[in-house]
Amino acid sequence: MSRGCAAALVAAACAAAAAQPAGVADALDALLAEERRWSAAADKGPLADALAGMMADDAVMMAQGARVDGHQAIRAALAADAAMTDARGAWRAVFAGVSADGQHGFTAGMMTARGTDGPSRAKYLAYWVRRGGSWRVVVYRRTRAAADAPEPGDLPPALPAAIAEMESDAAAIARAGQSLDAAERAFSDDAQRLGVGPAFARWGTAQSINLGGPATPGLLVGADAIARVVGQAFPGVPAPIRWAPDSVIVAASGDLGVTIGVIRRNPGASAALPEAVPFFTIWRRLPSGDWRYLAE
């Protein structure tokens, strides 16, 4: 096992990775080490610079109910936020995972920023892709957390059961993406038929997480807990909201991916709900072939 495991997500991640083929453990180690490197940079320099630095050229960031596309636009958006440019910060993943080909992964955790107005807390979710040997974030979201939000405990990582061969057939990769696109749409269709809460219970697993809002301490863990919260926020049948992906990114191994799209208010729903809000959801494909949401 590499030295990265000694430094922490994490005993939980390292213990689970140790039981996996070496490639999986190495990929998880490398991903967590890269994230720690950027966190260390944020602790010494402007938080905005560190966050922008870890973004891929084609990254997407969800911020304040809007979507920002591309590295340069993200850097500009972060630089325009005085609270970010004047702050130092650090973050730590409490949940992470990688795809079976070791080229895609995700991290979720807590961030603390120290600015001129005092400390603040946030929760974050990032989807990473390894290109040319370097991990970079391709989709990112951060949401406020209560100032006194407790540090959540580490969760067992989401790791593949075995190493899978990287699919080199572009048509096969496209089919995996189409399958994930269809899963997200079926998820929304179930919300119309069953209600938002029951749909979230059906399409998640005990390992699924949700960042929750500022009033939620830590992360929501488990499909049932997530379903209770979102069901209260969006009650009724049919659902007051619907959603669909505009784009999909999927690992060549076909077992991990992310959908990026827009949540829209349904006709007749309360005008208090936003008309449209961007979203992204990280998904994992089960051995049965079914997709289930893993983090959002």
C-alpha atoms as a PDB file:
ATOM      1  CA  MET A   1       0.000   0.000   0.000  1.00  0.00           C
ATOM      2  CA  SER A   2       1.300   3.445  -0.836  1.00  0.00           C
ATOM      3  CA  ARG A   3       2.270   6.097   1.715  1.00  0.00           C
ATOM      4  CA  GLY A   4      -0.833   8.143   0.858  1.00  0.00           C
ATOM      5  CA  CYS A   5      -2.959   5.742   2.849  1.00  0.00           C
ATOM      6  CA  ALA A   6      -1.050   6.650   5.977  1.00  0.00           C
ATOM      7  CA  ALA A   7      -2.450  10.159   5.727  1.00  0.00           C
ATOM      8  CA  ALA A   8      -6.016   9.766   6.061  1.00  0.00           C
ATOM      9  CA  LEU A   9      -9.412   9.570   4.571  1.00  0.00           C
ATOM     10  CA  VAL A  10      -8.739   7.692   6.173  1.00  0.00           C
ATOM     11  CA  ALA A  11      -8.260   4.570   7.760  1.00  0.00           C
ATOM     12  CA  ALA A  12     -11.625   3.525   6.375  1.00  0.00           C
ATOM     13  CA  ALA A  13     -10.570   4.112   2.781  1.00  0.00           C
ATOM     14  CA  CYS A  14      -7.212   2.448   3.217  1.00  0.00           C
ATOM     15  CA  ALA A  15      -8.631  -0.610   4.934  1.00  0.00           C
ATOM     16  CA  ALA A  16     -11.203  -1.085   2.198  1.00  0.00           C
ATOM     17  CA  ALA A  17      -8.687  -0.386  -0.560  1.00  0.00           C
ATOM     18  CA  ALA A  18      -6.282  -2.918   0.906  1.00  0.00           C
ATOM     19  CA  ALA A  19      -8.791  -5.632   0.101  1.00  0.00           C
ATOM     20  CA  GLN A  20      -8.983  -4.506  -3.532  1.00  0.00           C
ATOM     21  CA  PRO A  21      -6.608  -5.158  -6.432  1.00  0.00           C
ATOM     22  CA  ALA A  22      -3.527  -2.920  -6.230  1.00  0.00           C
ATOM     23  CA  GLY A  23      -4.714  -0.692  -9.066  1.00  0.00           C
ATOM     24  CA  VAL A  24      -7.840   0.318  -7.159  1.00  0.00           C
ATOM     25  CA  ALA A  25      -5.902   1.134  -3.979  1.00  0.00           C
ATOM     26  CA  ASP A  26      -3.346   3.127  -5.970  1.00  0.00           C
ATOM     27  CA  ALA A  27      -6.032   5.105  -7.798  1.00  0.00           C
ATOM     28  CA  LEU A  28      -7.838   5.984  -4.582  1.00  0.00           C
ATOM     29  CA  ASP A  29      -4.557   6.956  -2.928  1.00  0.00           C
ATOM     30  CA  ALA A  30      -3.590   9.182  -5.852  1.00  0.00           C
ATOM     31  CA  LEU A  31      -6.962  10.915  -5.915  1.00  0.00           C
ATOM     32  CA  LEU A  32      -6.930  11.672  -2.191  1.00  0.00           C
ATOM     33  CA  ALA A  33      -3.311  12.820  -2.321  1.00  0.00           C
ATOM     34  CA  GLU A  34      -4.136  15.245  -5.141  1.00  0.00           C
ATOM     35  CA  GLU A  35      -7.043  16.700  -3.205  1.00  0.00           C
ATOM     36  CA  ARG A  36      -4.897  17.072  -0.077  1.00  0.00           C
ATOM     37  CA  ARG A  37      -2.302  18.907  -2.164  1.00  0.00           C
ATOM     38  CA  TRP A  38      -4.819  21.545  -3.235  1.00  0.00           C
ATOM     39  CA  SER A  39      -6.208  21.836   0.284  1.00  0.00           C
ATOM     40  CA  ALA A  40      -2.687  22.486   1.575  1.00  0.00           C
ATOM     41  CA  ALA A  41      -2.266  25.189  -1.076  1.00  0.00           C
ATOM     42  CA  ALA A  42      -5.522  26.839   0.036  1.00  0.00           C
ATOM     43  CA  ASP A  43      -4.272  26.867   3.604  1.00  0.00           C
ATOM     44  CA  LYS A  44      -1.271  28.977   2.532  1.00  0.00           C
ATOM     45  CA  GLY A  45      -2.669  31.127  -0.273  1.00  0.00           C
ATOM     46  CA  PRO A  46      -5.987  32.478  -1.523  1.00  0.00           C
ATOM     47  CA  LEU A  47      -8.739  29.877  -1.372  1.00  0.00           C
ATOM     48  CA  ALA A  48     -10.018  31.030  -4.768  1.00  0.00           C
ATOM     49  CA  ASP A  49      -6.675  30.285  -6.441  1.00  0.00           C
ATOM     50  CA  ALA A  50      -6.497  26.770  -5.027  1.00  0.00           C
ATOM     51  CA  LEU A  51     -10.055  25.908  -6.040  1.00  0.00           C
ATOM     52  CA  ALA A  52      -9.531  27.271  -9.554  1.00  0.00           C
ATOM     53  CA  GLY A  53      -6.219  25.454  -9.858  1.00  0.00           C
ATOM     54  CA  MET A  54      -7.711  22.011  -9.414  1.00  0.00           C
ATOM     55  CA  MET A  55     -10.376  22.537 -12.109  1.00  0.00           C
ATOM     56  CA  ALA A  56     -10.064  20.968 -15.561  1.00  0.00           C
ATOM     57  CA  ASP A  57     -10.250  23.184 -18.631  1.00  0.00           C
ATOM     58  CA  ASP A  58     -13.803  21.965 -19.285  1.00  0.00           C
ATOM     59  CA  ALA A  59     -14.936  21.908 -15.660  1.00  0.00           C
ATOM     60  CA  VAL A  60     -18.449  22.843 -14.546  1.00  0.00           C
ATOM     61  CA  MET A  61     -19.101  24.528 -11.199  1.00  0.00           C
ATOM     62  CA  MET A  62     -22.493  24.970  -9.554  1.00  0.00           C
ATOM     63  CA  ALA A  63     -22.494  28.194  -7.536  1.00  0.00           C
ATOM     64  CA  GLN A  64     -25.349  30.153  -5.945  1.00  0.00           C
ATOM     65  CA  GLY A  65     -27.987  28.497  -8.089  1.00  0.00           C
ATOM     66  CA  ALA A  66     -26.089  29.101 -11.326  1.00  0.00           C
ATOM     67  CA  ARG A  67     -23.835  27.051 -13.565  1.00  0.00           C
ATOM     68  CA  VAL A  68     -20.349  28.240 -14.516  1.00  0.00           C
ATOM     69  CA  ASP A  69     -18.647  26.493 -17.440  1.00  0.00           C
ATOM     70  CA  GLY A  70     -14.930  26.269 -18.148  1.00  0.00           C
ATOM     71  CA  HIS A  71     -11.763  26.844 -16.177  1.00  0.00           C
ATOM     72  CA  GLN A  72     -11.395  30.516 -17.065  1.00  0.00           C
ATOM     73  CA  ALA A  73     -15.009  31.369 -16.232  1.00  0.00           C
ATOM     74  CA  ILE A  74     -14.722  29.494 -12.935  1.00  0.00           C
ATOM     75  CA  ARG A  75     -11.508  31.320 -12.066  1.00  0.00           C
ATOM     76  CA  ALA A  76     -13.189  34.653 -12.853  1.00  0.00           C
ATOM     77  CA  ALA A  77     -16.256  33.773 -10.758  1.00  0.00           C
ATOM     78  CA  LEU A  78     -14.102  32.803  -7.791  1.00  0.00           C
ATOM     79  CA  ALA A  79     -11.915  35.898  -8.178  1.00  0.00           C
ATOM     80  CA  ALA A  80     -15.027  38.097  -8.190  1.00  0.00           C
ATOM     81  CA  ASP A  81     -16.013  36.771  -4.765  1.00  0.00           C
ATOM     82  CA  ALA A  82     -14.093  38.879  -2.248  1.00  0.00           C
ATOM     83  CA  ALA A  83     -14.867  36.373   0.488  1.00  0.00           C
ATOM     84  CA  MET A  84     -12.969  33.751  -1.527  1.00  0.00           C
ATOM     85  CA  THR A  85      -9.994  35.851  -2.630  1.00  0.00           C
ATOM     86  CA  ASP A  86      -9.384  37.188   0.880  1.00  0.00           C
ATOM     87  CA  ALA A  87      -9.746  33.801   2.564  1.00  0.00           C
ATOM     88  CA  ARG A  88      -7.525  30.883   3.354  1.00  0.00           C
ATOM     89  CA  GLY A  89      -9.054  27.483   3.828  1.00  0.00           C
ATOM     90  CA  ALA A  90      -8.763  23.740   3.974  1.00  0.00           C
ATOM     91  CA  TRP A  91     -11.007  20.801   3.247  1.00  0.00           C
ATOM     92  CA  ARG A  92     -11.090  17.076   3.852  1.00  0.00           C
ATOM     93  CA  ALA A  93     -12.937  14.272   2.127  1.00  0.00           C
ATOM     94  CA  VAL A  94     -15.050  12.009   4.309  1.00  0.00           C
ATOM     95  CA  PHE A  95     -16.432   9.990   1.382  1.00  0.00           C
ATOM     96  CA  ALA A  96     -14.624   9.063  -1.821  1.00  0.00           C
ATOM     97  CA  GLY A  97     -14.491   6.450  -4.536  1.00  0.00           C
ATOM     98  CA  VAL A  98     -13.031   5.506  -7.894  1.00  0.00           C
ATOM     99  CA  SER A  99     -14.169   3.728 -11.031  1.00  0.00           C
ATOM    100  CA  ALA A 100     -13.037   0.236 -11.917  1.00  0.00           C
ATOM    101  CA  ASP A 101     -10.592   1.554 -14.520  1.00  0.00           C
ATOM    102  CA  GLY A 102      -9.075   3.942 -11.964  1.00  0.00           C
ATOM    103  CA  GLN A 103      -9.612   6.988 -14.207  1.00  0.00           C
ATOM    104  CA  HIS A 104     -12.713   8.564 -12.634  1.00  0.00           C
ATOM    105  CA  GLY A 105     -13.451   9.305  -8.996  1.00  0.00           C
ATOM    106  CA  PHE A 106     -15.234  11.571  -6.558  1.00  0.00           C
ATOM    107  CA  THR A 107     -14.732  13.203  -3.173  1.00  0.00           C
ATOM    108  CA  ALA A 108     -17.199  14.726  -0.720  1.00  0.00           C
ATOM    109  CA  GLY A 109     -16.505  16.408   2.568  1.00  0.00           C
ATOM    110  CA  MET A 110     -16.247  19.546   4.669  1.00  0.00           C
ATOM    111  CA  MET A 111     -14.412  22.817   4.121  1.00  0.00           C
ATOM    112  CA  THR A 112     -13.404  25.545   6.568  1.00  0.00           C
ATOM    113  CA  ALA A 113     -12.552  29.024   5.285  1.00  0.00           C
ATOM    114  CA  ARG A 114     -10.856  31.755   7.291  1.00  0.00           C
ATOM    115  CA  GLY A 115     -11.575  35.232   5.994  1.00  0.00           C
ATOM    116  CA  THR A 116     -11.736  38.802   7.241  1.00  0.00           C
ATOM    117  CA  ASP A 117     -15.273  38.151   8.501  1.00  0.00           C
ATOM    118  CA  GLY A 118     -14.186  35.150  10.538  1.00  0.00           C
ATOM    119  CA  PRO A 119     -14.411  31.414   9.865  1.00  0.00           C
ATOM    120  CA  SER A 120     -17.129  29.816   7.755  1.00  0.00           C
ATOM    121  CA  ARG A 121     -18.034  26.235   6.939  1.00  0.00           C
ATOM    122  CA  ALA A 122     -19.118  24.541   3.739  1.00  0.00           C
ATOM    123  CA  LYS A 123     -19.824  21.104   2.298  1.00  0.00           C
ATOM    124  CA  TYR A 124     -18.515  20.115  -1.117  1.00  0.00           C
ATOM    125  CA  LEU A 125     -18.828  17.438  -3.784  1.00  0.00           C
ATOM    126  CA  ALA A 126     -16.349  16.966  -6.638  1.00  0.00           C
ATOM    127  CA  TYR A 127     -16.173  14.588  -9.595  1.00  0.00           C
ATOM    128  CA  TRP A 128     -12.631  13.983 -10.830  1.00  0.00           C
ATOM    129  CA  VAL A 129     -11.151  12.571 -14.039  1.00  0.00           C
ATOM    130  CA  ARG A 130      -7.539  11.502 -14.510  1.00  0.00           C
ATOM    131  CA  ARG A 131      -6.138  12.801 -17.784  1.00  0.00           C
ATOM    132  CA  GLY A 132      -2.518  12.464 -18.804  1.00  0.00           C
ATOM    133  CA  GLY A 133      -1.754  11.017 -15.385  1.00  0.00           C
ATOM    134  CA  SER A 134      -3.151  14.018 -13.459  1.00  0.00           C
ATOM    135  CA  TRP A 135      -6.410  14.176 -11.515  1.00  0.00           C
ATOM    136  CA  ARG A 136      -8.562  17.246 -12.169  1.00  0.00           C
ATOM    137  CA  VAL A 137     -12.092  18.223 -11.102  1.00  0.00           C
ATOM    138  CA  VAL A 138     -14.644  18.237 -13.922  1.00  0.00           C
ATOM    139  CA  VAL A 139     -17.794  18.962 -11.880  1.00  0.00           C
ATOM    140  CA  TYR A 140     -17.914  20.771  -8.533  1.00  0.00           C
ATOM    141  CA  ARG A 141     -20.437  22.071  -6.036  1.00  0.00           C
ATOM    142  CA  ARG A 142     -20.118  23.712  -2.671  1.00  0.00           C
ATOM    143  CA  THR A 143     -22.919  24.602  -0.266  1.00  0.00           C
ATOM    144  CA  ARG A 144     -22.920  26.484   3.012  1.00  0.00           C
ATOM    145  CA  ALA A 145     -22.922  24.653   6.309  1.00  0.00           C
ATOM    146  CA  ALA A 146     -23.780  25.966   9.745  1.00  0.00           C
ATOM    147  CA  ALA A 147     -20.780  27.599  11.417  1.00  0.00           C
ATOM    148  CA  ASP A 148     -20.929  25.027  14.194  1.00  0.00           C
ATOM    149  CA  ALA A 149     -21.534  22.060  11.899  1.00  0.00           C
ATOM    150  CA  PRO A 150     -19.726  19.041  13.359  1.00  0.00           C
ATOM    151  CA  GLU A 151     -17.030  17.264  11.404  1.00  0.00           C
ATOM    152  CA  PRO A 152     -18.707  14.117  10.029  1.00  0.00           C
ATOM    153  CA  GLY A 153     -17.045  10.769  10.493  1.00  0.00           C
ATOM    154  CA  ASP A 154     -15.360   8.985   7.605  1.00  0.00           C
ATOM    155  CA  LEU A 155     -17.577   6.768   5.460  1.00  0.00           C
ATOM    156  CA  PRO A 156     -16.457   3.536   3.792  1.00  0.00           C
ATOM    157  CA  PRO A 157     -15.295   4.389   0.265  1.00  0.00           C
ATOM    158  CA  ALA A 158     -17.210   3.387  -2.847  1.00  0.00           C
ATOM    159  CA  LEU A 159     -14.850   1.008  -4.616  1.00  0.00           C
ATOM    160  CA  PRO A 160     -15.338  -1.470  -7.451  1.00  0.00           C
ATOM    161  CA  ALA A 161     -15.472  -5.142  -6.608  1.00  0.00           C
ATOM    162  CA  ALA A 162     -12.712  -5.876  -9.096  1.00  0.00           C
ATOM    163  CA  ILE A 163     -10.517  -4.269 -11.710  1.00  0.00           C
ATOM    164  CA  ALA A 164     -12.293  -3.975 -15.032  1.00  0.00           C
ATOM    165  CA  GLU A 165     -10.693  -3.584 -18.406  1.00  0.00           C
ATOM    166  CA  MET A 166     -10.917  -0.088 -19.823  1.00  0.00           C
ATOM    167  CA  GLU A 167     -13.401  -0.069 -22.667  1.00  0.00           C
ATOM    168  CA  SER A 168     -11.757   1.251 -25.834  1.00  0.00           C
ATOM    169  CA  ASP A 169     -14.841   0.898 -28.025  1.00  0.00           C
ATOM    170  CA  ALA A 170     -16.317   4.383 -28.397  1.00  0.00           C
ATOM    171  CA  ALA A 171     -19.726   2.908 -29.229  1.00  0.00           C
ATOM    172  CA  ALA A 172     -19.718   0.858 -26.022  1.00  0.00           C
ATOM    173  CA  ILE A 173     -18.774   3.914 -23.948  1.00  0.00           C
ATOM    174  CA  ALA A 174     -21.565   5.861 -25.655  1.00  0.00           C
ATOM    175  CA  ARG A 175     -24.031   3.104 -24.766  1.00  0.00           C
ATOM    176  CA  ALA A 176     -22.986   3.307 -21.122  1.00  0.00           C
ATOM    177  CA  GLY A 177     -23.596   7.052 -21.220  1.00  0.00           C
ATOM    178  CA  GLN A 178     -26.995   6.561 -22.825  1.00  0.00           C
ATOM    179  CA  SER A 179     -27.876   4.033 -20.141  1.00  0.00           C
ATOM    180  CA  LEU A 180     -26.986   6.523 -17.422  1.00  0.00           C
ATOM    181  CA  ASP A 181     -28.927   9.288 -19.167  1.00  0.00           C
ATOM    182  CA  ALA A 182     -31.971   7.000 -19.262  1.00  0.00           C
ATOM    183  CA  ALA A 183     -31.581   6.174 -15.564  1.00  0.00           C
ATOM    184  CA  GLU A 184     -31.658   9.850 -14.581  1.00  0.00           C
ATOM    185  CA  ARG A 185     -34.768  10.411 -16.672  1.00  0.00           C
ATOM    186  CA  ALA A 186     -36.474   7.336 -15.194  1.00  0.00           C
ATOM    187  CA  PHE A 187     -35.612   8.666 -11.723  1.00  0.00           C
ATOM    188  CA  SER A 188     -37.475  11.904 -12.509  1.00  0.00           C
ATOM    189  CA  ASP A 189     -40.366   9.958 -14.067  1.00  0.00           C
ATOM    190  CA  ASP A 190     -40.712   7.960 -10.847  1.00  0.00           C
ATOM    191  CA  ALA A 191     -40.878  11.216  -8.885  1.00  0.00           C
ATOM    192  CA  GLN A 192     -43.866  12.272 -10.998  1.00  0.00           C
ATOM    193  CA  ARG A 193     -45.565   8.935 -10.395  1.00  0.00           C
ATOM    194  CA  LEU A 194     -44.585   8.216  -6.772  1.00  0.00           C
ATOM    195  CA  GLY A 195     -43.464  11.528  -5.304  1.00  0.00           C
ATOM    196  CA  VAL A 196     -39.961  12.904  -4.802  1.00  0.00           C
ATOM    197  CA  GLY A 197     -39.287  11.174  -1.476  1.00  0.00           C
ATOM    198  CA  PRO A 198     -40.239   7.653  -2.622  1.00  0.00           C
ATOM    199  CA  ALA A 199     -38.254   8.129  -5.848  1.00  0.00           C
ATOM    200  CA  PHE A 200     -35.142   9.064  -3.879  1.00  0.00           C
ATOM    201  CA  ALA A 201     -35.636   6.029  -1.667  1.00  0.00           C
ATOM    202  CA  ARG A 202     -36.003   3.763  -4.695  1.00  0.00           C
ATOM    203  CA  TRP A 203     -33.051   5.054  -6.715  1.00  0.00           C
ATOM    204  CA  GLY A 204     -30.478   5.249  -3.908  1.00  0.00           C
ATOM    205  CA  THR A 205     -28.727   2.791  -1.628  1.00  0.00           C
ATOM    206  CA  ALA A 206     -27.572   2.706   1.979  1.00  0.00           C
ATOM    207  CA  GLN A 207     -24.267   4.187   0.744  1.00  0.00           C
ATOM    208  CA  SER A 208     -25.815   7.196  -1.049  1.00  0.00           C
ATOM    209  CA  ILE A 209     -25.090  10.672   0.299  1.00  0.00           C
ATOM    210  CA  ASN A 210     -26.589  14.129  -0.159  1.00  0.00           C
ATOM    211  CA  LEU A 211     -24.928  17.397   0.868  1.00  0.00           C
ATOM    212  CA  GLY A 212     -28.157  18.717   2.337  1.00  0.00           C
ATOM    213  CA  GLY A 213     -28.714  22.396   3.042  1.00  0.00           C
ATOM    214  CA  PRO A 214     -27.073  24.764   5.527  1.00  0.00           C
ATOM    215  CA  ALA A 215     -29.386  23.589   8.308  1.00  0.00           C
ATOM    216  CA  THR A 216     -28.314  19.962   7.838  1.00  0.00           C
ATOM    217  CA  PRO A 217     -25.302  19.164  10.007  1.00  0.00           C
ATOM    218  CA  GLY A 218     -22.800  17.151   8.041  1.00  0.00           C
ATOM    219  CA  LEU A 219     -24.043  14.989   5.182  1.00  0.00           C
ATOM    220  CA  LEU A 220     -27.262  13.072   4.700  1.00  0.00           C
ATOM    221  CA  VAL A 221     -26.307   9.400   4.494  1.00  0.00           C
ATOM    222  CA  GLY A 222     -28.486   6.613   3.126  1.00  0.00           C
ATOM    223  CA  ALA A 223     -31.376   6.665   0.649  1.00  0.00           C
ATOM    224  CA  ASP A 224     -34.037   6.553   3.382  1.00  0.00           C
ATOM    225  CA  ALA A 225     -32.622   9.576   5.238  1.00  0.00           C
ATOM    226  CA  ILE A 226     -32.248  11.503   1.979  1.00  0.00           C
ATOM    227  CA  ALA A 227     -35.802  10.580   0.945  1.00  0.00           C
ATOM    228  CA  ARG A 228     -37.261  11.934   4.186  1.00  0.00           C
ATOM    229  CA  VAL A 229     -35.589  15.321   3.760  1.00  0.00           C
ATOM    230  CA  VAL A 230     -36.242  15.843   0.061  1.00  0.00           C
ATOM    231  CA  GLY A 231     -39.762  14.467   0.442  1.00  0.00           C
ATOM    232  CA  GLN A 232     -40.513  17.182   2.992  1.00  0.00           C
ATOM    233  CA  ALA A 233     -38.961  19.848   0.774  1.00  0.00           C
ATOM    234  CA  PHE A 234     -40.889  18.728  -2.340  1.00  0.00           C
ATOM    235  CA  PRO A 235     -44.127  17.073  -1.174  1.00  0.00           C
ATOM    236  CA  GLY A 236     -46.976  15.800  -3.277  1.00  0.00           C
ATOM    237  CA  VAL A 237     -47.802  13.526  -6.182  1.00  0.00           C
ATOM    238  CA  PRO A 238     -47.033  14.290  -8.891  1.00  0.00           C
ATOM    239  CA  ALA A 239     -43.810  15.974  -7.893  1.00  0.00           C
ATOM    240  CA  PRO A 240     -43.570  19.772  -7.963  1.00  0.00           C
ATOM    241  CA  ILE A 241     -40.262  19.443  -9.826  1.00  0.00           C
ATOM    242  CA  ARG A 242     -38.830  17.449 -12.712  1.00  0.00           C
ATOM    243  CA  TRP A 243     -35.303  17.079 -14.007  1.00  0.00           C
ATOM    244  CA  ALA A 244     -33.227  15.671 -16.843  1.00  0.00           C
ATOM    245  CA  PRO A 245     -29.557  15.583 -17.829  1.00  0.00           C
ATOM    246  CA  ASP A 246     -28.099  17.865 -20.469  1.00  0.00           C
ATOM    247  CA  SER A 247     -24.827  15.937 -20.496  1.00  0.00           C
ATOM    248  CA  VAL A 248     -23.327  12.775 -19.077  1.00  0.00           C
ATOM    249  CA  ILE A 249     -19.743  11.837 -18.232  1.00  0.00           C
ATOM    250  CA  VAL A 250     -19.075   8.137 -17.711  1.00  0.00           C
ATOM    251  CA  ALA A 251     -15.937   6.140 -16.970  1.00  0.00           C
ATOM    252  CA  ALA A 252     -14.715   3.869 -19.743  1.00  0.00           C
ATOM    253  CA  SER A 253     -15.247   0.940 -17.353  1.00  0.00           C
ATOM    254  CA  GLY A 254     -18.954   1.834 -17.350  1.00  0.00           C
ATOM    255  CA  ASP A 255     -19.449   1.687 -13.582  1.00  0.00           C
ATOM    256  CA  LEU A 256     -19.160   5.315 -12.442  1.00  0.00           C
ATOM    257  CA  GLY A 257     -20.502   8.487 -13.990  1.00  0.00           C
ATOM    258  CA  VAL A 258     -22.086  11.876 -13.477  1.00  0.00           C
ATOM    259  CA  THR A 259     -25.187  13.487 -14.947  1.00  0.00           C
ATOM    260  CA  ILE A 260     -25.361  17.279 -15.335  1.00  0.00           C
ATOM    261  CA  GLY A 261     -28.636  19.043 -15.964  1.00  0.00           C
ATOM    262  CA  VAL A 262     -31.425  21.288 -14.721  1.00  0.00           C
ATOM    263  CA  ILE A 263     -34.179  20.828 -12.131  1.00  0.00           C
ATOM    264  CA  ARG A 264     -37.324  22.628 -13.299  1.00  0.00           C
ATOM    265  CA  ARG A 265     -40.489  23.687 -11.495  1.00  0.00           C
ATOM    266  CA  ASN A 266     -43.543  21.847 -12.771  1.00  0.00           C
ATOM    267  CA  PRO A 267     -46.539  23.807 -14.060  1.00  0.00           C
ATOM    268  CA  GLY A 268     -48.907  24.587 -11.211  1.00  0.00           C
ATOM    269  CA  ALA A 269     -46.263  24.135  -8.507  1.00  0.00           C
ATOM    270  CA  SER A 270     -45.668  26.828  -5.903  1.00  0.00           C
ATOM    271  CA  ALA A 271     -44.067  29.958  -7.327  1.00  0.00           C
ATOM    272  CA  ALA A 272     -41.885  29.945  -4.215  1.00  0.00           C
ATOM    273  CA  LEU A 273     -39.851  27.190  -5.859  1.00  0.00           C
ATOM    274  CA  PRO A 274     -37.090  28.314  -8.236  1.00  0.00           C
ATOM    275  CA  GLU A 275     -38.066  28.016 -11.879  1.00  0.00           C
ATOM    276  CA  ALA A 276     -34.799  26.275 -12.807  1.00  0.00           C
ATOM    277  CA  VAL A 277     -31.738  25.162 -10.836  1.00  0.00           C
ATOM    278  CA  PRO A 278     -28.659  23.360 -12.217  1.00  0.00           C
ATOM    279  CA  PHE A 279     -27.707  20.027 -10.674  1.00  0.00           C
ATOM    280  CA  PHE A 280     -25.311  17.160 -10.969  1.00  0.00           C
ATOM    281  CA  THR A 281     -25.561  13.635  -9.619  1.00  0.00           C
ATOM    282  CA  ILE A 282     -22.836  11.018  -9.258  1.00  0.00           C
ATOM    283  CA  TRP A 283     -23.952   7.494 -10.090  1.00  0.00           C
ATOM    284  CA  ARG A 284     -22.621   3.998  -9.588  1.00  0.00           C
ATOM    285  CA  ARG A 285     -23.569   0.960 -11.667  1.00  0.00           C
ATOM    286  CA  LEU A 286     -24.356  -2.115  -9.602  1.00  0.00           C
ATOM    287  CA  PRO A 287     -23.257  -5.632 -10.601  1.00  0.00           C
ATOM    288  CA  SER A 288     -26.882  -6.176 -11.691  1.00  0.00           C
ATOM    289  CA  GLY A 289     -26.364  -3.473 -14.325  1.00  0.00           C
ATOM    290  CA  ASP A 290     -28.735  -1.024 -12.610  1.00  0.00           C
ATOM    291  CA  TRP A 291     -27.581   2.535 -11.936  1.00  0.00           C
ATOM    292  CA  ARG A 292     -28.084   4.037  -8.469  1.00  0.00           C
ATOM    293  CA  TYR A 293     -27.271   7.569  -7.379  1.00  0.00           C
ATOM    294  CA  LEU A 294     -24.236   7.701  -5.127  1.00  0.00           C
ATOM    295  CA  ALA A 295     -23.766  11.368  -4.263  1.00  0.00           C
ATOM    296  CA  GLU A 296     -25.396  14.695  -4.986  1.00  0.00           C
END
